[in-house]
Amino acid sequence: MVTVGQVILGFYGVLLVLGGVMGMVKAGSRISLFAGGGCGLASLVALWISLEDPSKGFLIGGVLPLLLTGIFAGRFFRTRKLVPAGVVLLLSLTVGILLIYIQQNLAR
């Protein structure tokens, strides 16, 4: 189960970085680039931490997507746009729930 969580963290981090780059390319948004890059990097750092201490890495990695869920829920309900707010909302909620579930099962 640890390996699955690490793959999820890595995939999520890369998607966040790519999403930030896409926001920069399509909309010229530097904020998207920095926010996506920073959050993606944070997810990859959580992956790195999980290699030594899976419980701590998954806790850090699970809190980040849940915070992004809150941010993008507000954006989605304000704009009603599926891309990017709705996609990031659903992806972040799913990843957050999965990682917290994995982290809780490690603690047992």
C-alpha atoms as a PDB file:
ATOM      1  CA  MET A   1       0.000   0.000   0.000  1.00  0.00           C
ATOM      2  CA  VAL A   2       2.969   2.303   0.652  1.00  0.00           C
ATOM      3  CA  THR A   3       4.134   2.036  -2.952  1.00  0.00           C
ATOM      4  CA  VAL A   4       0.658   2.909  -4.251  1.00  0.00           C
ATOM      5  CA  GLY A   5       0.622   6.029  -2.085  1.00  0.00           C
ATOM      6  CA  GLN A   6       4.056   7.042  -3.319  1.00  0.00           C
ATOM      7  CA  VAL A   7       2.989   6.626  -6.941  1.00  0.00           C
ATOM      8  CA  ILE A   8      -0.105   8.737  -6.244  1.00  0.00           C
ATOM      9  CA  LEU A   9       2.027  11.462  -4.635  1.00  0.00           C
ATOM     10  CA  GLY A  10       4.483  11.517  -7.520  1.00  0.00           C
ATOM     11  CA  PHE A  11       1.779  11.535 -10.194  1.00  0.00           C
ATOM     12  CA  TYR A  12      -0.160  14.277  -8.391  1.00  0.00           C
ATOM     13  CA  GLY A  13       2.962  16.417  -7.989  1.00  0.00           C
ATOM     14  CA  VAL A  14       3.838  16.136 -11.673  1.00  0.00           C
ATOM     15  CA  LEU A  15       0.254  16.963 -12.688  1.00  0.00           C
ATOM     16  CA  LEU A  16       0.292  20.085 -10.506  1.00  0.00           C
ATOM     17  CA  VAL A  17       3.548  21.280 -12.057  1.00  0.00           C
ATOM     18  CA  LEU A  18       2.242  20.588 -15.566  1.00  0.00           C
ATOM     19  CA  GLY A  19      -1.010  22.376 -14.739  1.00  0.00           C
ATOM     20  CA  GLY A  20       0.943  25.433 -13.626  1.00  0.00           C
ATOM     21  CA  VAL A  21       2.967  25.400 -16.832  1.00  0.00           C
ATOM     22  CA  MET A  22      -0.222  25.001 -18.868  1.00  0.00           C
ATOM     23  CA  GLY A  23      -1.787  27.977 -17.070  1.00  0.00           C
ATOM     24  CA  MET A  24       1.274  30.044 -17.931  1.00  0.00           C
ATOM     25  CA  VAL A  25       1.275  28.987 -21.587  1.00  0.00           C
ATOM     26  CA  LYS A  26      -2.469  29.274 -22.234  1.00  0.00           C
ATOM     27  CA  ALA A  27      -3.392  32.267 -20.086  1.00  0.00           C
ATOM     28  CA  GLY A  28      -0.038  33.918 -19.473  1.00  0.00           C
ATOM     29  CA  SER A  29      -0.603  33.469 -15.738  1.00  0.00           C
ATOM     30  CA  ARG A  30       2.590  33.630 -13.717  1.00  0.00           C
ATOM     31  CA  ILE A  31       0.542  32.990 -10.595  1.00  0.00           C
ATOM     32  CA  SER A  32      -0.559  29.637 -12.049  1.00  0.00           C
ATOM     33  CA  LEU A  33       3.042  28.778 -12.818  1.00  0.00           C
ATOM     34  CA  PHE A  34       4.285  29.609  -9.320  1.00  0.00           C
ATOM     35  CA  ALA A  35       1.291  28.111  -7.501  1.00  0.00           C
ATOM     36  CA  GLY A  36       1.284  24.906  -9.571  1.00  0.00           C
ATOM     37  CA  GLY A  37       5.051  24.615  -9.361  1.00  0.00           C
ATOM     38  CA  GLY A  38       5.107  25.264  -5.612  1.00  0.00           C
ATOM     39  CA  CYS A  39       2.288  22.850  -4.820  1.00  0.00           C
ATOM     40  CA  GLY A  40       3.734  20.236  -7.155  1.00  0.00           C
ATOM     41  CA  LEU A  41       7.120  20.621  -5.510  1.00  0.00           C
ATOM     42  CA  ALA A  42       5.493  20.285  -2.065  1.00  0.00           C
ATOM     43  CA  SER A  43       3.858  17.046  -3.199  1.00  0.00           C
ATOM     44  CA  LEU A  44       7.188  15.733  -4.477  1.00  0.00           C
ATOM     45  CA  VAL A  45       8.856  16.691  -1.185  1.00  0.00           C
ATOM     46  CA  ALA A  46       6.123  14.716   0.621  1.00  0.00           C
ATOM     47  CA  LEU A  47       6.969  11.793  -1.658  1.00  0.00           C
ATOM     48  CA  TRP A  48      10.631  12.104  -0.716  1.00  0.00           C
ATOM     49  CA  ILE A  49       9.738  12.223   3.004  1.00  0.00           C
ATOM     50  CA  SER A  50       7.534   9.153   2.562  1.00  0.00           C
ATOM     51  CA  LEU A  51      10.558   7.146   1.443  1.00  0.00           C
ATOM     52  CA  GLU A  52      12.003   7.452   4.977  1.00  0.00           C
ATOM     53  CA  ASP A  53       8.825   7.913   7.035  1.00  0.00           C
ATOM     54  CA  PRO A  54       5.706   6.878   5.074  1.00  0.00           C
ATOM     55  CA  SER A  55       3.265   7.973   7.775  1.00  0.00           C
ATOM     56  CA  LYS A  56       4.656  11.517   7.931  1.00  0.00           C
ATOM     57  CA  GLY A  57       5.025  11.793   4.140  1.00  0.00           C
ATOM     58  CA  PHE A  58       1.456  10.680   3.511  1.00  0.00           C
ATOM     59  CA  LEU A  59       0.111  13.002   6.185  1.00  0.00           C
ATOM     60  CA  ILE A  60       1.871  15.978   4.593  1.00  0.00           C
ATOM     61  CA  GLY A  61       0.936  14.736   1.141  1.00  0.00           C
ATOM     62  CA  GLY A  62      -2.708  14.277   2.182  1.00  0.00           C
ATOM     63  CA  VAL A  63      -3.154  17.693   3.752  1.00  0.00           C
ATOM     64  CA  LEU A  64      -1.940  19.558   0.639  1.00  0.00           C
ATOM     65  CA  PRO A  65      -4.640  18.217  -1.730  1.00  0.00           C
ATOM     66  CA  LEU A  66      -7.327  18.766   0.887  1.00  0.00           C
ATOM     67  CA  LEU A  67      -6.260  22.416   1.180  1.00  0.00           C
ATOM     68  CA  LEU A  68      -6.323  22.699  -2.615  1.00  0.00           C
ATOM     69  CA  THR A  69      -9.796  21.108  -2.572  1.00  0.00           C
ATOM     70  CA  GLY A  70     -11.019  24.003  -0.448  1.00  0.00           C
ATOM     71  CA  ILE A  71      -9.408  26.606  -2.682  1.00  0.00           C
ATOM     72  CA  PHE A  72     -10.677  25.086  -5.920  1.00  0.00           C
ATOM     73  CA  ALA A  73     -14.164  24.382  -4.521  1.00  0.00           C
ATOM     74  CA  GLY A  74     -14.525  28.133  -4.004  1.00  0.00           C
ATOM     75  CA  ARG A  75     -13.247  28.842  -7.507  1.00  0.00           C
ATOM     76  CA  PHE A  76     -15.488  26.218  -9.087  1.00  0.00           C
ATOM     77  CA  PHE A  77     -18.644  27.440  -7.363  1.00  0.00           C
ATOM     78  CA  ARG A  78     -17.759  31.045  -8.230  1.00  0.00           C
ATOM     79  CA  THR A  79     -16.873  30.467 -11.903  1.00  0.00           C
ATOM     80  CA  ARG A  80     -18.741  27.209 -12.698  1.00  0.00           C
ATOM     81  CA  LYS A  81     -15.873  26.285 -15.032  1.00  0.00           C
ATOM     82  CA  LEU A  82     -14.969  22.624 -15.248  1.00  0.00           C
ATOM     83  CA  VAL A  83     -11.446  23.410 -16.471  1.00  0.00           C
ATOM     84  CA  PRO A  84      -9.315  24.005 -14.499  1.00  0.00           C
ATOM     85  CA  ALA A  85     -11.235  24.500 -11.234  1.00  0.00           C
ATOM     86  CA  GLY A  86     -13.533  21.467 -11.439  1.00  0.00           C
ATOM     87  CA  VAL A  87     -10.804  19.100 -12.578  1.00  0.00           C
ATOM     88  CA  VAL A  88      -8.349  20.178  -9.876  1.00  0.00           C
ATOM     89  CA  LEU A  89     -11.155  20.063  -7.293  1.00  0.00           C
ATOM     90  CA  LEU A  90     -12.048  16.439  -8.110  1.00  0.00           C
ATOM     91  CA  LEU A  91      -8.432  15.333  -8.489  1.00  0.00           C
ATOM     92  CA  SER A  92      -7.357  16.973  -5.215  1.00  0.00           C
ATOM     93  CA  LEU A  93     -10.311  15.608  -3.264  1.00  0.00           C
ATOM     94  CA  THR A  94      -9.653  12.083  -4.540  1.00  0.00           C
ATOM     95  CA  VAL A  95      -5.901  12.237  -3.879  1.00  0.00           C
ATOM     96  CA  GLY A  96      -6.405  13.746  -0.420  1.00  0.00           C
ATOM     97  CA  ILE A  97      -8.872  11.071   0.638  1.00  0.00           C
ATOM     98  CA  LEU A  98      -6.680   8.261  -0.711  1.00  0.00           C
ATOM     99  CA  LEU A  99      -3.520   9.515   0.982  1.00  0.00           C
ATOM    100  CA  ILE A 100      -5.185  10.117   4.349  1.00  0.00           C
ATOM    101  CA  TYR A 101      -6.744   6.634   4.114  1.00  0.00           C
ATOM    102  CA  ILE A 102      -3.328   5.095   3.407  1.00  0.00           C
ATOM    103  CA  GLN A 103      -1.744   7.114   6.216  1.00  0.00           C
ATOM    104  CA  GLN A 104      -4.412   6.011   8.693  1.00  0.00           C
ATOM    105  CA  ASN A 105      -3.898   2.350   7.769  1.00  0.00           C
ATOM    106  CA  LEU A 106      -0.150   2.696   8.339  1.00  0.00           C
ATOM    107  CA  ALA A 107      -0.789   3.931  11.869  1.00  0.00           C
ATOM    108  CA  ARG A 108      -2.616   0.709  12.776  1.00  0.00           C
END
